[in-house]
PDB file of N, CA and C in Angstrom:
ATOM      1  N   UNK A   1     -36.399  20.370  32.594  1.00  0.00           N
ATOM      2  CA  UNK A   1     -35.518  19.352  32.933  1.00  0.00           C
ATOM      3  C   UNK A   1     -34.942  18.572  31.709  1.00  0.00           C
ATOM      4  N   UNK A   2     -36.050  18.595  30.632  1.00  0.00           N
ATOM      5  CA  UNK A   2     -35.608  18.005  29.487  1.00  0.00           C
ATOM      6  C   UNK A   2     -34.516  18.759  28.695  1.00  0.00           C
ATOM      7  N   UNK A   3     -34.672  19.987  28.863  1.00  0.00           N
ATOM      8  CA  UNK A   3     -33.457  20.936  28.129  1.00  0.00           C
ATOM      9  C   UNK A   3     -32.348  20.691  28.818  1.00  0.00           C
ATOM     10  N   UNK A   4     -32.239  20.522  30.133  1.00  0.00           N
ATOM     11  CA  UNK A   4     -31.009  20.239  30.626  1.00  0.00           C
ATOM     12  C   UNK A   4     -30.293  18.913  30.241  1.00  0.00           C
ATOM     13  N   UNK A   5     -31.076  17.993  30.158  1.00  0.00           N
ATOM     14  CA  UNK A   5     -30.848  16.708  29.693  1.00  0.00           C
ATOM     15  C   UNK A   5     -30.285  16.816  28.272  1.00  0.00           C
ATOM     16  N   UNK A   6     -30.820  17.583  27.493  1.00  0.00           N
ATOM     17  CA  UNK A   6     -30.460  17.636  26.115  1.00  0.00           C
ATOM     18  C   UNK A   6     -29.105  18.258  26.076  1.00  0.00           C
ATOM     19  N   UNK A   7     -28.918  19.278  26.927  1.00  0.00           N
ATOM     20  CA  UNK A   7     -27.724  20.044  26.900  1.00  0.00           C
ATOM     21  C   UNK A   7     -26.483  19.134  27.367  1.00  0.00           C
ATOM     22  N   UNK A   8     -26.936  18.243  28.133  1.00  0.00           N
ATOM     23  CA  UNK A   8     -25.941  17.475  28.871  1.00  0.00           C
ATOM     24  C   UNK A   8     -25.533  16.410  27.792  1.00  0.00           C
ATOM     25  N   UNK A   9     -26.287  15.961  27.066  1.00  0.00           N
ATOM     26  CA  UNK A   9     -26.211  14.733  25.975  1.00  0.00           C
ATOM     27  C   UNK A   9     -25.584  15.308  24.865  1.00  0.00           C
ATOM     28  N   UNK A  10     -25.825  16.430  24.453  1.00  0.00           N
ATOM     29  CA  UNK A  10     -25.305  17.055  23.235  1.00  0.00           C
ATOM     30  C   UNK A  10     -23.783  16.840  23.083  1.00  0.00           C
ATOM     31  N   UNK A  11     -22.842  17.431  24.101  1.00  0.00           N
ATOM     32  CA  UNK A  11     -21.500  17.268  24.138  1.00  0.00           C
ATOM     33  C   UNK A  11     -20.955  15.865  23.957  1.00  0.00           C
ATOM     34  N   UNK A  12     -21.680  14.926  24.614  1.00  0.00           N
ATOM     35  CA  UNK A  12     -21.405  13.628  24.670  1.00  0.00           C
ATOM     36  C   UNK A  12     -21.460  12.917  23.294  1.00  0.00           C
ATOM     37  N   UNK A  13     -22.698  13.276  22.753  1.00  0.00           N
ATOM     38  CA  UNK A  13     -22.972  12.824  21.337  1.00  0.00           C
ATOM     39  C   UNK A  13     -22.012  13.428  20.318  1.00  0.00           C
ATOM     40  N   UNK A  14     -21.726  14.648  20.373  1.00  0.00           N
ATOM     41  CA  UNK A  14     -20.718  15.242  19.503  1.00  0.00           C
ATOM     42  C   UNK A  14     -19.292  14.721  19.618  1.00  0.00           C
ATOM     43  N   UNK A  15     -18.994  14.481  20.996  1.00  0.00           N
ATOM     44  CA  UNK A  15     -17.529  13.826  21.191  1.00  0.00           C
ATOM     45  C   UNK A  15     -17.562  12.544  20.631  1.00  0.00           C
ATOM     46  N   UNK A  16     -18.624  11.597  20.706  1.00  0.00           N
ATOM     47  CA  UNK A  16     -18.677  10.205  20.363  1.00  0.00           C
ATOM     48  C   UNK A  16     -18.654  10.113  18.855  1.00  0.00           C
ATOM     49  N   UNK A  17     -19.386  11.274  18.106  1.00  0.00           N
ATOM     50  CA  UNK A  17     -19.481  11.221  16.650  1.00  0.00           C
ATOM     51  C   UNK A  17     -17.981  11.590  16.173  1.00  0.00           C
ATOM     52  N   UNK A  18     -17.339  12.438  16.724  1.00  0.00           N
ATOM     53  CA  UNK A  18     -15.973  12.963  16.346  1.00  0.00           C
ATOM     54  C   UNK A  18     -14.957  11.774  16.491  1.00  0.00           C
ATOM     55  N   UNK A  19     -15.174  11.265  17.707  1.00  0.00           N
ATOM     56  CA  UNK A  19     -14.335  10.002  17.874  1.00  0.00           C
ATOM     57  C   UNK A  19     -14.465   8.900  16.917  1.00  0.00           C
ATOM     58  N   UNK A  20     -15.876   8.524  16.601  1.00  0.00           N
ATOM     59  CA  UNK A  20     -15.990   7.618  15.466  1.00  0.00           C
ATOM     60  C   UNK A  20     -15.692   7.992  14.295  1.00  0.00           C
ATOM     61  N   UNK A  21     -15.707   9.237  13.982  1.00  0.00           N
ATOM     62  CA  UNK A  21     -15.174  10.025  12.473  1.00  0.00           C
ATOM     63  C   UNK A  21     -13.681   9.596  12.437  1.00  0.00           C
ATOM     64  N   UNK A  22     -12.999   9.920  13.716  1.00  0.00           N
ATOM     65  CA  UNK A  22     -11.480   9.983  13.584  1.00  0.00           C
ATOM     66  C   UNK A  22     -11.106   8.378  13.464  1.00  0.00           C
ATOM     67  N   UNK A  23     -11.890   7.570  13.992  1.00  0.00           N
ATOM     68  CA  UNK A  23     -11.371   6.158  13.976  1.00  0.00           C
ATOM     69  C   UNK A  23     -11.681   5.778  12.548  1.00  0.00           C
ATOM     70  N   UNK A  24     -12.834   6.048  12.031  1.00  0.00           N
ATOM     71  CA  UNK A  24     -13.078   5.698  10.536  1.00  0.00           C
ATOM     72  C   UNK A  24     -12.121   6.135   9.652  1.00  0.00           C
ATOM     73  N   UNK A  25     -11.719   7.588   9.801  1.00  0.00           N
ATOM     74  CA  UNK A  25     -10.574   8.095   8.998  1.00  0.00           C
ATOM     75  C   UNK A  25      -9.219   7.351   9.101  1.00  0.00           C
ATOM     76  N   UNK A  26      -8.986   6.928  10.406  1.00  0.00           N
ATOM     77  CA  UNK A  26      -7.730   6.263  10.368  1.00  0.00           C
ATOM     78  C   UNK A  26      -7.801   4.843   9.818  1.00  0.00           C
ATOM     79  N   UNK A  27      -8.931   4.081   9.855  1.00  0.00           N
ATOM     80  CA  UNK A  27      -9.088   2.905   9.157  1.00  0.00           C
ATOM     81  C   UNK A  27      -8.837   2.929   7.581  1.00  0.00           C
ATOM     82  N   UNK A  28      -9.503   3.976   7.198  1.00  0.00           N
ATOM     83  CA  UNK A  28      -9.212   4.243   5.643  1.00  0.00           C
ATOM     84  C   UNK A  28      -7.948   4.535   5.419  1.00  0.00           C
ATOM     85  N   UNK A  29      -7.221   5.416   6.141  1.00  0.00           N
ATOM     86  CA  UNK A  29      -5.819   5.565   5.785  1.00  0.00           C
ATOM     87  C   UNK A  29      -5.020   4.358   6.032  1.00  0.00           C
ATOM     88  N   UNK A  30      -5.289   3.633   6.987  1.00  0.00           N
ATOM     89  CA  UNK A  30      -4.454   2.180   7.144  1.00  0.00           C
ATOM     90  C   UNK A  30      -4.687   1.538   6.062  1.00  0.00           C
ATOM     91  N   UNK A  31      -5.780   1.133   5.459  1.00  0.00           N
ATOM     92  CA  UNK A  31      -6.205   0.432   4.540  1.00  0.00           C
ATOM     93  C   UNK A  31      -5.395   0.886   3.144  1.00  0.00           C
ATOM     94  N   UNK A  32      -5.446   2.233   2.845  1.00  0.00           N
ATOM     95  CA  UNK A  32      -4.803   2.890   1.766  1.00  0.00           C
ATOM     96  C   UNK A  32      -3.150   2.526   1.943  1.00  0.00           C
ATOM     97  N   UNK A  33      -2.652   2.792   2.992  1.00  0.00           N
ATOM     98  CA  UNK A  33      -1.267   2.366   3.286  1.00  0.00           C
ATOM     99  C   UNK A  33      -0.892   1.014   3.134  1.00  0.00           C
ATOM    100  N   UNK A  34      -1.887   0.020   3.556  1.00  0.00           N
ATOM    101  CA  UNK A  34      -1.617  -1.317   3.348  1.00  0.00           C
ATOM    102  C   UNK A  34      -1.793  -1.749   1.922  1.00  0.00           C
ATOM    103  N   UNK A  35      -2.565  -1.170   1.318  1.00  0.00           N
ATOM    104  CA  UNK A  35      -2.752  -1.423  -0.127  1.00  0.00           C
ATOM    105  C   UNK A  35      -1.545  -0.956  -0.869  1.00  0.00           C
ATOM    106  N   UNK A  36      -0.925   0.170  -0.412  1.00  0.00           N
ATOM    107  CA  UNK A  36       0.144   0.741  -1.223  1.00  0.00           C
ATOM    108  C   UNK A  36       1.569  -0.162  -0.918  1.00  0.00           C
ATOM    109  N   UNK A  37       1.523  -0.430   0.390  1.00  0.00           N
ATOM    110  CA  UNK A  37       2.786  -1.534   0.774  1.00  0.00           C
ATOM    111  C   UNK A  37       2.612  -2.701  -0.032  1.00  0.00           C
ATOM    112  N   UNK A  38       1.335  -3.279  -0.095  1.00  0.00           N
ATOM    113  CA  UNK A  38       1.160  -4.493  -0.764  1.00  0.00           C
ATOM    114  C   UNK A  38       1.493  -4.421  -2.327  1.00  0.00           C
ATOM    115  N   UNK A  39       1.093  -3.400  -2.785  1.00  0.00           N
ATOM    116  CA  UNK A  39       1.569  -3.283  -4.301  1.00  0.00           C
ATOM    117  C   UNK A  39       3.003  -3.188  -4.558  1.00  0.00           C
ATOM    118  N   UNK A  40       3.741  -2.190  -3.528  1.00  0.00           N
ATOM    119  CA  UNK A  40       5.072  -2.126  -3.675  1.00  0.00           C
ATOM    120  C   UNK A  40       5.833  -3.465  -3.506  1.00  0.00           C
ATOM    121  N   UNK A  41       5.421  -4.286  -2.685  1.00  0.00           N
ATOM    122  CA  UNK A  41       5.862  -5.616  -2.415  1.00  0.00           C
ATOM    123  C   UNK A  41       5.735  -6.528  -3.547  1.00  0.00           C
ATOM    124  N   UNK A  42       4.505  -6.530  -4.145  1.00  0.00           N
ATOM    125  CA  UNK A  42       4.340  -7.225  -5.304  1.00  0.00           C
ATOM    126  C   UNK A  42       5.167  -6.758  -6.492  1.00  0.00           C
ATOM    127  N   UNK A  43       5.492  -5.576  -6.658  1.00  0.00           N
ATOM    128  CA  UNK A  43       6.168  -5.071  -7.661  1.00  0.00           C
ATOM    129  C   UNK A  43       7.552  -5.364  -7.311  1.00  0.00           C
ATOM    130  N   UNK A  44       8.037  -5.311  -6.299  1.00  0.00           N
ATOM    131  CA  UNK A  44       9.532  -5.558  -5.840  1.00  0.00           C
ATOM    132  C   UNK A  44       9.805  -7.198  -6.001  1.00  0.00           C
ATOM    133  N   UNK A  45       8.711  -7.944  -5.592  1.00  0.00           N
ATOM    134  CA  UNK A  45       8.942  -9.372  -5.887  1.00  0.00           C
ATOM    135  C   UNK A  45       8.918  -9.896  -7.259  1.00  0.00           C
ATOM    136  N   UNK A  46       8.082  -9.133  -8.060  1.00  0.00           N
ATOM    137  CA  UNK A  46       7.894  -9.493  -9.554  1.00  0.00           C
ATOM    138  C   UNK A  46       9.231  -9.124 -10.215  1.00  0.00           C
ATOM    139  N   UNK A  47       9.886  -8.095  -9.723  1.00  0.00           N
ATOM    140  CA  UNK A  47      11.033  -7.642 -10.472  1.00  0.00           C
ATOM    141  C   UNK A  47      12.339  -8.272  -9.823  1.00  0.00           C
ATOM    142  N   UNK A  48      12.256  -9.118  -8.729  1.00  0.00           N
ATOM    143  CA  UNK A  48      13.400  -9.611  -8.265  1.00  0.00           C
ATOM    144  C   UNK A  48      14.206 -10.516  -9.395  1.00  0.00           C
ATOM    145  N   UNK A  49      13.578 -11.452 -10.209  1.00  0.00           N
ATOM    146  CA  UNK A  49      14.391 -12.045 -11.010  1.00  0.00           C
ATOM    147  C   UNK A  49      15.224 -11.164 -12.026  1.00  0.00           C
ATOM    148  N   UNK A  50      14.726  -9.935 -12.229  1.00  0.00           N
ATOM    149  CA  UNK A  50      15.304  -8.959 -13.327  1.00  0.00           C
ATOM    150  C   UNK A  50      16.672  -8.224 -12.624  1.00  0.00           C
ATOM    151  N   UNK A  51      16.733  -8.494 -11.267  1.00  0.00           N
ATOM    152  CA  UNK A  51      17.885  -7.759 -10.565  1.00  0.00           C
ATOM    153  C   UNK A  51      19.058  -8.646 -10.825  1.00  0.00           C
ATOM    154  N   UNK A  52      19.995  -7.879 -11.235  1.00  0.00           N
ATOM    155  CA  UNK A  52      21.437  -8.573 -11.423  1.00  0.00           C
ATOM    156  C   UNK A  52      21.612  -8.854 -12.947  1.00  0.00           C
ATOM    157  N   UNK A  53      20.507  -8.754 -13.773  1.00  0.00           N
ATOM    158  CA  UNK A  53      20.683  -8.937 -15.103  1.00  0.00           C
ATOM    159  C   UNK A  53      20.471  -7.717 -15.863  1.00  0.00           C
ATOM    160  N   UNK A  54      20.406  -7.639 -17.165  1.00  0.00           N
ATOM    161  CA  UNK A  54      20.378  -6.348 -18.015  1.00  0.00           C
ATOM    162  C   UNK A  54      19.543  -5.463 -17.340  1.00  0.00           C
ATOM    163  N   UNK A  55      19.735  -4.108 -17.137  1.00  0.00           N
ATOM    164  CA  UNK A  55      20.909  -3.381 -17.553  1.00  0.00           C
ATOM    165  C   UNK A  55      22.139  -3.288 -16.699  1.00  0.00           C
ATOM    166  N   UNK A  56      22.024  -4.047 -15.613  1.00  0.00           N
ATOM    167  CA  UNK A  56      22.965  -3.846 -14.695  1.00  0.00           C
ATOM    168  C   UNK A  56      24.203  -4.747 -15.197  1.00  0.00           C
ATOM    169  N   UNK A  57      23.937  -5.775 -15.636  1.00  0.00           N
ATOM    170  CA  UNK A  57      25.111  -6.588 -16.403  1.00  0.00           C
ATOM    171  C   UNK A  57      24.472  -7.305 -17.524  1.00  0.00           C
ATOM    172  N   UNK A  58      25.151  -6.891 -18.583  1.00  0.00           N
ATOM    173  CA  UNK A  58      24.388  -7.431 -20.009  1.00  0.00           C
ATOM    174  C   UNK A  58      24.388  -8.896 -20.044  1.00  0.00           C
ATOM    175  N   UNK A  59      23.215  -9.303 -20.574  1.00  0.00           N
ATOM    176  CA  UNK A  59      23.405 -10.954 -20.666  1.00  0.00           C
ATOM    177  C   UNK A  59      24.294 -11.579 -21.770  1.00  0.00           C
ATOM    178  N   UNK A  60      24.966 -12.532 -21.369  1.00  0.00           N
ATOM    179  CA  UNK A  60      25.952 -13.033 -22.405  1.00  0.00           C
ATOM    180  C   UNK A  60      25.382 -14.358 -23.064  1.00  0.00           C
ATOM    181  N   UNK A  61      25.210 -14.049 -24.417  1.00  0.00           N
ATOM    182  CA  UNK A  61      24.498 -14.973 -25.333  1.00  0.00           C
ATOM    183  C   UNK A  61      25.612 -15.938 -26.029  1.00  0.00           C
ATOM    184  N   UNK A  62      25.691 -17.102 -25.711  1.00  0.00           N
ATOM    185  CA  UNK A  62      26.596 -17.990 -26.382  1.00  0.00           C
ATOM    186  C   UNK A  62      25.962 -18.648 -27.582  1.00  0.00           C
ATOM    187  N   UNK A  63      26.569 -18.333 -28.643  1.00  0.00           N
ATOM    188  CA  UNK A  63      26.072 -19.112 -30.036  1.00  0.00           C
ATOM    189  C   UNK A  63      26.581 -20.628 -30.056  1.00  0.00           C
ATOM    190  N   UNK A  64      25.737 -21.419 -30.435  1.00  0.00           N
ATOM    191  CA  UNK A  64      26.277 -22.660 -30.608  1.00  0.00           C
ATOM    192  C   UNK A  64      27.091 -22.896 -31.754  1.00  0.00           C
ATOM    193  N   UNK A  65      28.101 -23.559 -31.811  1.00  0.00           N
ATOM    194  CA  UNK A  65      29.159 -23.773 -33.064  1.00  0.00           C
ATOM    195  C   UNK A  65      28.420 -24.125 -34.253  1.00  0.00           C
ATOM    196  N   UNK A  66      27.370 -24.987 -34.021  1.00  0.00           N
ATOM    197  CA  UNK A  66      26.717 -25.319 -35.291  1.00  0.00           C
ATOM    198  C   UNK A  66      25.915 -24.070 -36.007  1.00  0.00           C
ATOM    199  N   UNK A  67      25.725 -23.249 -35.406  1.00  0.00           N
ATOM    200  CA  UNK A  67      25.117 -21.839 -35.916  1.00  0.00           C
ATOM    201  C   UNK A  67      26.017 -20.823 -36.398  1.00  0.00           C
ATOM    202  N   UNK A  68      27.510 -21.007 -36.043  1.00  0.00           N
ATOM    203  CA  UNK A  68      28.419 -19.878 -36.400  1.00  0.00           C
ATOM    204  C   UNK A  68      28.564 -19.995 -38.037  1.00  0.00           C
ATOM    205  N   UNK A  69      28.859 -18.733 -38.479  1.00  0.00           N
ATOM    206  CA  UNK A  69      29.141 -18.724 -39.956  1.00  0.00           C
ATOM    207  C   UNK A  69      30.517 -18.486 -40.115  1.00  0.00           C
ATOM    208  N   UNK A  70      31.041 -18.969 -41.100  1.00  0.00           N
ATOM    209  CA  UNK A  70      32.576 -18.641 -41.230  1.00  0.00           C
ATOM    210  C   UNK A  70      32.935 -20.121 -41.973  1.00  0.00           C
TER     211      UNK A  70
END
């Protein structure tokens, strides 16, 4: 009787273990994806002030008349 109980429980234990491993791997992948997206968002946000300036459009530097030579 004990062997029958063990044979019945083994597939259930295996299925549960596989399901937990699948969920754990999904959590790890989701954390990695969130970290990547967060990094991309930080980089994009940090580079926002540079968008629209050099090299897309060169900055115009105006020299005060007091510094002009001539």
